[in-house]
PDB file of N, CA and C in Angstrom:
ATOM      1  N   MET A   1     -29.888   7.195  18.887  1.00  0.00           N
ATOM      2  CA  MET A   1     -28.986   8.040  18.957  1.00  0.00           C
ATOM      3  C   MET A   1     -27.974   7.827  17.759  1.00  0.00           C
ATOM      4  N   ILE A   2     -27.765   8.837  17.013  1.00  0.00           N
ATOM      5  CA  ILE A   2     -26.585   8.700  15.892  1.00  0.00           C
ATOM      6  C   ILE A   2     -25.373   8.513  16.511  1.00  0.00           C
ATOM      7  N   GLU A   3     -24.526   7.589  15.953  1.00  0.00           N
ATOM      8  CA  GLU A   3     -23.142   7.403  16.239  1.00  0.00           C
ATOM      9  C   GLU A   3     -22.201   8.466  15.602  1.00  0.00           C
ATOM     10  N   LYS A   4     -21.293   8.858  16.336  1.00  0.00           N
ATOM     11  CA  LYS A   4     -20.558   9.882  15.556  1.00  0.00           C
ATOM     12  C   LYS A   4     -19.117   9.429  15.405  1.00  0.00           C
ATOM     13  N   CYS A   5     -18.522  10.076  14.405  1.00  0.00           N
ATOM     14  CA  CYS A   5     -17.135   9.870  14.048  1.00  0.00           C
ATOM     15  C   CYS A   5     -16.099  10.128  15.294  1.00  0.00           C
ATOM     16  N   ASP A   6     -15.137   9.441  15.530  1.00  0.00           N
ATOM     17  CA  ASP A   6     -14.086   9.684  16.523  1.00  0.00           C
ATOM     18  C   ASP A   6     -13.419  10.874  16.403  1.00  0.00           C
ATOM     19  N   ARG A   7     -13.260  11.474  15.097  1.00  0.00           N
ATOM     20  CA  ARG A   7     -12.403  12.573  14.948  1.00  0.00           C
ATOM     21  C   ARG A   7     -13.147  13.874  14.612  1.00  0.00           C
ATOM     22  N   HIS A   8     -14.014  13.855  13.676  1.00  0.00           N
ATOM     23  CA  HIS A   8     -14.848  15.123  13.236  1.00  0.00           C
ATOM     24  C   HIS A   8     -16.119  15.241  13.937  1.00  0.00           C
ATOM     25  N   ARG A   9     -16.719  14.364  14.510  1.00  0.00           N
ATOM     26  CA  ARG A   9     -18.057  14.332  15.207  1.00  0.00           C
ATOM     27  C   ARG A   9     -19.240  14.581  14.231  1.00  0.00           C
ATOM     28  N   LYS A  10     -18.907  13.829  13.068  1.00  0.00           N
ATOM     29  CA  LYS A  10     -20.003  13.904  12.192  1.00  0.00           C
ATOM     30  C   LYS A  10     -20.555  12.378  12.140  1.00  0.00           C
ATOM     31  N   GLU A  11     -21.680  12.275  11.405  1.00  0.00           N
ATOM     32  CA  GLU A  11     -22.407  11.035  11.335  1.00  0.00           C
ATOM     33  C   GLU A  11     -21.432   9.808  10.902  1.00  0.00           C
ATOM     34  N   ARG A  12     -21.378   8.777  11.616  1.00  0.00           N
ATOM     35  CA  ARG A  12     -20.444   7.602  11.304  1.00  0.00           C
ATOM     36  C   ARG A  12     -21.033   6.908  10.242  1.00  0.00           C
ATOM     37  N   ILE A  13     -20.145   6.686   9.131  1.00  0.00           N
ATOM     38  CA  ILE A  13     -20.586   6.046   7.855  1.00  0.00           C
ATOM     39  C   ILE A  13     -20.123   4.420   8.108  1.00  0.00           C
ATOM     40  N   GLY A  14     -19.065   4.098   8.817  1.00  0.00           N
ATOM     41  CA  GLY A  14     -18.496   2.779   9.098  1.00  0.00           C
ATOM     42  C   GLY A  14     -17.531   2.821  10.061  1.00  0.00           C
ATOM     43  N   GLY A  15     -16.736   1.553  10.041  1.00  0.00           N
ATOM     44  CA  GLY A  15     -15.609   1.494  10.683  1.00  0.00           C
ATOM     45  C   GLY A  15     -14.474   1.138   9.933  1.00  0.00           C
ATOM     46  N   CYS A  16     -13.231   1.527  10.281  1.00  0.00           N
ATOM     47  CA  CYS A  16     -12.027   1.114   9.688  1.00  0.00           C
ATOM     48  C   CYS A  16     -11.756  -0.478   9.656  1.00  0.00           C
ATOM     49  N   THR A  17     -11.632  -1.051   8.568  1.00  0.00           N
ATOM     50  CA  THR A  17     -11.596  -2.456   8.563  1.00  0.00           C
ATOM     51  C   THR A  17     -10.465  -3.017   9.228  1.00  0.00           C
ATOM     52  N   TRP A  18      -9.299  -2.223   9.331  1.00  0.00           N
ATOM     53  CA  TRP A  18      -8.055  -2.561  10.213  1.00  0.00           C
ATOM     54  C   TRP A  18      -8.214  -2.449  11.659  1.00  0.00           C
ATOM     55  N   CYS A  19      -8.518  -1.304  12.114  1.00  0.00           N
ATOM     56  CA  CYS A  19      -8.499  -1.000  13.522  1.00  0.00           C
ATOM     57  C   CYS A  19      -9.828  -0.829  14.274  1.00  0.00           C
ATOM     58  N   GLY A  20     -10.816  -0.754  13.385  1.00  0.00           N
ATOM     59  CA  GLY A  20     -12.337  -0.645  13.957  1.00  0.00           C
ATOM     60  C   GLY A  20     -12.717   0.611  14.402  1.00  0.00           C
ATOM     61  N   LYS A  21     -11.839   1.763  14.084  1.00  0.00           N
ATOM     62  CA  LYS A  21     -12.132   3.082  14.487  1.00  0.00           C
ATOM     63  C   LYS A  21     -13.475   3.573  13.704  1.00  0.00           C
ATOM     64  N   ARG A  22     -14.388   4.264  14.480  1.00  0.00           N
ATOM     65  CA  ARG A  22     -15.554   4.838  13.757  1.00  0.00           C
ATOM     66  C   ARG A  22     -15.104   5.958  12.756  1.00  0.00           C
ATOM     67  N   VAL A  23     -15.504   5.830  11.520  1.00  0.00           N
ATOM     68  CA  VAL A  23     -15.129   6.941  10.611  1.00  0.00           C
ATOM     69  C   VAL A  23     -16.290   7.579   9.851  1.00  0.00           C
ATOM     70  N   CYS A  24     -16.152   8.788   9.438  1.00  0.00           N
ATOM     71  CA  CYS A  24     -17.127   9.585   8.671  1.00  0.00           C
ATOM     72  C   CYS A  24     -16.575   9.512   7.277  1.00  0.00           C
ATOM     73  N   GLU A  25     -17.352  10.350   6.409  1.00  0.00           N
ATOM     74  CA  GLU A  25     -16.873  10.413   4.941  1.00  0.00           C
ATOM     75  C   GLU A  25     -15.593  11.154   4.782  1.00  0.00           C
ATOM     76  N   LEU A  26     -15.265  12.035   5.760  1.00  0.00           N
ATOM     77  CA  LEU A  26     -14.015  12.826   5.670  1.00  0.00           C
ATOM     78  C   LEU A  26     -12.775  11.948   6.016  1.00  0.00           C
ATOM     79  N   CYS A  27     -13.061  10.986   6.946  1.00  0.00           N
ATOM     80  CA  CYS A  27     -11.994  10.176   7.585  1.00  0.00           C
ATOM     81  C   CYS A  27     -11.481   9.015   6.665  1.00  0.00           C
ATOM     82  N   ILE A  28     -12.457   8.710   5.776  1.00  0.00           N
ATOM     83  CA  ILE A  28     -12.052   7.482   4.787  1.00  0.00           C
ATOM     84  C   ILE A  28     -10.965   7.982   3.800  1.00  0.00           C
ATOM     85  N   VAL A  29      -9.904   7.358   3.926  1.00  0.00           N
ATOM     86  CA  VAL A  29      -8.578   7.662   2.946  1.00  0.00           C
ATOM     87  C   VAL A  29      -8.546   6.610   1.953  1.00  0.00           C
ATOM     88  N   LYS A  30      -8.897   5.386   2.189  1.00  0.00           N
ATOM     89  CA  LYS A  30      -8.809   4.503   1.190  1.00  0.00           C
ATOM     90  C   LYS A  30     -10.079   3.530   1.353  1.00  0.00           C
ATOM     91  N   GLN A  31     -10.519   3.094   0.195  1.00  0.00           N
ATOM     92  CA  GLN A  31     -11.840   2.237   0.038  1.00  0.00           C
ATOM     93  C   GLN A  31     -11.628   1.194  -0.959  1.00  0.00           C
ATOM     94  N   GLU A  32     -11.798  -0.024  -0.560  1.00  0.00           N
ATOM     95  CA  GLU A  32     -11.588  -1.152  -1.613  1.00  0.00           C
ATOM     96  C   GLU A  32     -13.039  -1.846  -1.456  1.00  0.00           C
ATOM     97  N   GLY A  33     -13.972  -1.622  -2.287  1.00  0.00           N
ATOM     98  CA  GLY A  33     -15.176  -2.228  -2.252  1.00  0.00           C
ATOM     99  C   GLY A  33     -15.978  -1.871  -0.983  1.00  0.00           C
ATOM    100  N   LYS A  34     -16.368  -2.951  -0.088  1.00  0.00           N
ATOM    101  CA  LYS A  34     -16.972  -2.537   1.210  1.00  0.00           C
ATOM    102  C   LYS A  34     -15.976  -2.039   2.260  1.00  0.00           C
ATOM    103  N   LYS A  35     -14.834  -2.411   1.997  1.00  0.00           N
ATOM    104  CA  LYS A  35     -13.639  -2.204   3.031  1.00  0.00           C
ATOM    105  C   LYS A  35     -13.231  -0.695   3.032  1.00  0.00           C
ATOM    106  N   VAL A  36     -13.160  -0.068   4.088  1.00  0.00           N
ATOM    107  CA  VAL A  36     -12.834   1.346   4.419  1.00  0.00           C
ATOM    108  C   VAL A  36     -11.550   1.331   5.280  1.00  0.00           C
ATOM    109  N   TYR A  37     -10.772   2.140   5.065  1.00  0.00           N
ATOM    110  CA  TYR A  37      -9.764   2.382   6.025  1.00  0.00           C
ATOM    111  C   TYR A  37      -9.291   4.033   6.474  1.00  0.00           C
ATOM    112  N   CYS A  38      -8.968   4.127   7.668  1.00  0.00           N
ATOM    113  CA  CYS A  38      -8.704   5.384   8.178  1.00  0.00           C
ATOM    114  C   CYS A  38      -7.372   5.930   7.721  1.00  0.00           C
ATOM    115  N   ALA A  39      -6.926   7.117   8.004  1.00  0.00           N
ATOM    116  CA  ALA A  39      -5.562   7.772   7.533  1.00  0.00           C
ATOM    117  C   ALA A  39      -4.436   6.916   8.133  1.00  0.00           C
ATOM    118  N   LYS A  40      -4.539   6.625   9.439  1.00  0.00           N
ATOM    119  CA  LYS A  40      -3.449   6.035  10.039  1.00  0.00           C
ATOM    120  C   LYS A  40      -3.163   4.430   9.534  1.00  0.00           C
ATOM    121  N   CYS A  41      -4.246   3.790   9.308  1.00  0.00           N
ATOM    122  CA  CYS A  41      -4.180   2.347   8.783  1.00  0.00           C
ATOM    123  C   CYS A  41      -3.780   2.270   7.276  1.00  0.00           C
ATOM    124  N   SER A  42      -4.224   3.458   6.692  1.00  0.00           N
ATOM    125  CA  SER A  42      -3.926   3.350   5.141  1.00  0.00           C
ATOM    126  C   SER A  42      -2.625   3.585   5.059  1.00  0.00           C
ATOM    127  N   GLY A  43      -1.837   4.406   5.838  1.00  0.00           N
ATOM    128  CA  GLY A  43      -0.506   4.670   5.708  1.00  0.00           C
ATOM    129  C   GLY A  43       0.339   3.540   6.143  1.00  0.00           C
ATOM    130  N   VAL A  44      -0.048   2.729   6.971  1.00  0.00           N
ATOM    131  CA  VAL A  44       0.582   1.439   7.409  1.00  0.00           C
ATOM    132  C   VAL A  44       0.440   0.433   6.425  1.00  0.00           C
ATOM    133  N   LEU A  45      -0.777   0.399   5.932  1.00  0.00           N
ATOM    134  CA  LEU A  45      -0.917  -0.608   4.892  1.00  0.00           C
ATOM    135  C   LEU A  45      -0.538  -0.411   3.540  1.00  0.00           C
ATOM    136  N   SER A  46      -0.008   0.932   3.172  1.00  0.00           N
ATOM    137  CA  SER A  46       0.701   1.124   1.912  1.00  0.00           C
ATOM    138  C   SER A  46       1.959   0.615   1.808  1.00  0.00           C
ATOM    139  N   GLY A  47       2.641   0.420   2.974  1.00  0.00           N
ATOM    140  CA  GLY A  47       3.903  -0.200   2.867  1.00  0.00           C
ATOM    141  C   GLY A  47       3.825  -1.713   2.707  1.00  0.00           C
ATOM    142  N   ILE A  48       2.724  -2.346   2.883  1.00  0.00           N
ATOM    143  CA  ILE A  48       2.448  -3.818   2.950  1.00  0.00           C
ATOM    144  C   ILE A  48       2.097  -4.261   1.595  1.00  0.00           C
ATOM    145  N   SER A  49       2.838  -5.050   0.871  1.00  0.00           N
ATOM    146  CA  SER A  49       2.291  -5.568  -0.394  1.00  0.00           C
ATOM    147  C   SER A  49       1.811  -6.976  -0.157  1.00  0.00           C
ATOM    148  N   PRO A  50       0.804  -7.389  -0.929  1.00  0.00           N
ATOM    149  CA  PRO A  50       0.251  -8.769  -0.694  1.00  0.00           C
ATOM    150  C   PRO A  50       1.334  -9.768  -1.166  1.00  0.00           C
ATOM    151  N   MET A  51       1.305 -10.784  -0.321  1.00  0.00           N
ATOM    152  CA  MET A  51       2.307 -11.740  -0.234  1.00  0.00           C
ATOM    153  C   MET A  51       1.777 -12.997  -1.052  1.00  0.00           C
ATOM    154  N   ARG A  52       2.351 -13.674  -1.985  1.00  0.00           N
ATOM    155  CA  ARG A  52       2.114 -14.776  -2.683  1.00  0.00           C
ATOM    156  C   ARG A  52       2.322 -15.951  -1.702  1.00  0.00           C
ATOM    157  N   VAL A  53       1.322 -16.729  -1.502  1.00  0.00           N
ATOM    158  CA  VAL A  53       1.684 -17.991  -0.812  1.00  0.00           C
ATOM    159  C   VAL A  53       2.081 -19.119  -1.745  1.00  0.00           C
ATOM    160  N   PRO A  54       3.220 -19.762  -1.371  1.00  0.00           N
ATOM    161  CA  PRO A  54       3.690 -20.905  -2.268  1.00  0.00           C
ATOM    162  C   PRO A  54       2.680 -21.942  -2.236  1.00  0.00           C
ATOM    163  N   LEU A  55       2.818 -22.595  -3.426  1.00  0.00           N
ATOM    164  CA  LEU A  55       1.943 -23.868  -3.513  1.00  0.00           C
ATOM    165  C   LEU A  55       2.638 -24.944  -2.592  1.00  0.00           C
ATOM    166  N   ALA A  56       1.658 -25.663  -1.965  1.00  0.00           N
ATOM    167  CA  ALA A  56       2.140 -26.810  -1.156  1.00  0.00           C
ATOM    168  C   ALA A  56       3.099 -27.810  -1.988  1.00  0.00           C
ATOM    169  N   ALA A  57       4.134 -28.211  -1.385  1.00  0.00           N
ATOM    170  CA  ALA A  57       4.978 -29.132  -2.082  1.00  0.00           C
ATOM    171  C   ALA A  57       4.224 -30.498  -2.026  1.00  0.00           C
ATOM    172  N   PRO A  58       4.554 -31.328  -2.966  1.00  0.00           N
ATOM    173  CA  PRO A  58       3.806 -32.580  -2.961  1.00  0.00           C
ATOM    174  C   PRO A  58       4.314 -33.496  -1.916  1.00  0.00           C
ATOM    175  N   ARG A  59       3.473 -34.274  -1.224  1.00  0.00           N
ATOM    176  CA  ARG A  59       3.878 -34.999  -0.223  1.00  0.00           C
ATOM    177  C   ARG A  59       4.891 -36.229  -0.575  1.00  0.00           C
ATOM    178  N   PRO A  60       5.822 -36.448   0.072  1.00  0.00           N
ATOM    179  CA  PRO A  60       6.758 -37.515  -0.355  1.00  0.00           C
ATOM    180  C   PRO A  60       6.028 -38.917  -0.283  1.00  0.00           C
ATOM    181  N   ALA A  61       6.514 -39.836  -1.024  1.00  0.00           N
ATOM    182  CA  ALA A  61       5.899 -41.160  -1.063  1.00  0.00           C
ATOM    183  C   ALA A  61       6.098 -41.813   0.218  1.00  0.00           C
ATOM    184  N   PRO A  62       5.213 -42.648   0.818  1.00  0.00           N
ATOM    185  CA  PRO A  62       5.403 -43.239   2.046  1.00  0.00           C
ATOM    186  C   PRO A  62       6.625 -44.223   1.967  1.00  0.00           C
ATOM    187  N   PRO A  63       7.256 -44.497   3.035  1.00  0.00           N
ATOM    188  CA  PRO A  63       8.321 -45.362   3.072  1.00  0.00           C
ATOM    189  C   PRO A  63       8.164 -46.827   2.445  1.00  0.00           C
ATOM    190  N   GLN A  64       8.995 -47.383   1.795  1.00  0.00           N
ATOM    191  CA  GLN A  64       8.630 -48.650   1.207  1.00  0.00           C
ATOM    192  C   GLN A  64       9.377 -49.753   2.137  1.00  0.00           C
ATOM    193  N   GLY A  65       9.438 -49.529   3.453  1.00  0.00           N
ATOM    194  CA  GLY A  65      10.094 -50.608   4.370  1.00  0.00           C
ATOM    195  C   GLY A  65       9.040 -51.645   4.717  1.00  0.00           C
ATOM    196  N   ARG A  66       9.045 -52.042   5.957  1.00  0.00           N
ATOM    197  CA  ARG A  66       8.145 -53.224   6.292  1.00  0.00           C
ATOM    198  C   ARG A  66       6.740 -52.627   6.481  1.00  0.00           C
ATOM    199  N   ARG A  67       5.778 -53.500   6.090  1.00  0.00           N
ATOM    200  CA  ARG A  67       4.386 -53.188   6.009  1.00  0.00           C
ATOM    201  C   ARG A  67       3.650 -54.273   7.038  1.00  0.00           C
ATOM    202  N   TYR A  68       2.775 -53.678   7.711  1.00  0.00           N
ATOM    203  CA  TYR A  68       2.118 -54.457   8.591  1.00  0.00           C
ATOM    204  C   TYR A  68       0.593 -54.724   8.230  1.00  0.00           C
ATOM    205  N   MET A  69      -0.034 -55.708   8.607  1.00  0.00           N
ATOM    206  CA  MET A  69      -1.485 -55.952   8.362  1.00  0.00           C
ATOM    207  C   MET A  69      -2.050 -56.668   9.497  1.00  0.00           C
ATOM    208  N   ILE A  70      -3.358 -56.633   9.507  1.00  0.00           N
ATOM    209  CA  ILE A  70      -4.090 -57.387  10.674  1.00  0.00           C
ATOM    210  C   ILE A  70      -4.594 -58.395  10.036  1.00  0.00           C
ATOM    211  N   HIS A  71      -4.410 -59.558  10.682  1.00  0.00           N
ATOM    212  CA  HIS A  71      -4.822 -60.975  10.173  1.00  0.00           C
ATOM    213  C   HIS A  71      -5.370 -61.644  11.435  1.00  0.00           C
ATOM    214  N   ASP A  72      -6.612 -62.008  11.362  1.00  0.00           N
ATOM    215  CA  ASP A  72      -7.307 -62.589  12.549  1.00  0.00           C
ATOM    216  C   ASP A  72      -7.270 -61.948  13.818  1.00  0.00           C
ATOM    217  N   GLY A  73      -7.182 -60.464  13.851  1.00  0.00           N
ATOM    218  CA  GLY A  73      -6.927 -59.843  15.043  1.00  0.00           C
ATOM    219  C   GLY A  73      -5.533 -59.681  15.506  1.00  0.00           C
ATOM    220  N   TYR A  74      -4.656 -60.141  14.723  1.00  0.00           N
ATOM    221  CA  TYR A  74      -3.135 -59.965  15.146  1.00  0.00           C
ATOM    222  C   TYR A  74      -2.561 -59.101  14.087  1.00  0.00           C
ATOM    223  N   LEU A  75      -1.631 -58.226  14.734  1.00  0.00           N
ATOM    224  CA  LEU A  75      -0.763 -57.452  13.715  1.00  0.00           C
ATOM    225  C   LEU A  75       0.520 -58.293  13.240  1.00  0.00           C
ATOM    226  N   VAL A  76       0.388 -58.303  12.131  1.00  0.00           N
ATOM    227  CA  VAL A  76       1.619 -59.264  11.466  1.00  0.00           C
ATOM    228  C   VAL A  76       2.373 -58.500  10.460  1.00  0.00           C
ATOM    229  N   LEU A  77       3.540 -58.947  10.270  1.00  0.00           N
ATOM    230  CA  LEU A  77       4.490 -58.350   9.393  1.00  0.00           C
ATOM    231  C   LEU A  77       4.407 -58.958   7.951  1.00  0.00           C
ATOM    232  N   ARG A  78       4.124 -58.108   6.871  1.00  0.00           N
ATOM    233  CA  ARG A  78       3.933 -58.690   5.675  1.00  0.00           C
ATOM    234  C   ARG A  78       5.143 -58.244   4.888  1.00  0.00           C
ATOM    235  N   GLU A  79       5.574 -59.206   4.077  1.00  0.00           N
ATOM    236  CA  GLU A  79       6.767 -58.797   3.299  1.00  0.00           C
ATOM    237  C   GLU A  79       6.545 -58.660   1.871  1.00  0.00           C
TER     238      GLU A  79
END
């Protein structure tokens, strides 16, 4: 059985990448490579701009206080 579009009852081409609704060639408003979007989701996504993720800050140096080490099975303070 051929799956039909939710809105036009035509043959389904794919699903909206955002909401998953079944779409036909008439429903596809925006297409980016293999990603397709319905009219509702395309409108919502048009107001969203890609956000740049800041680079991770370098980790601070470990504290230079007391240091411990294991010597003959005991935890000892090293200076």
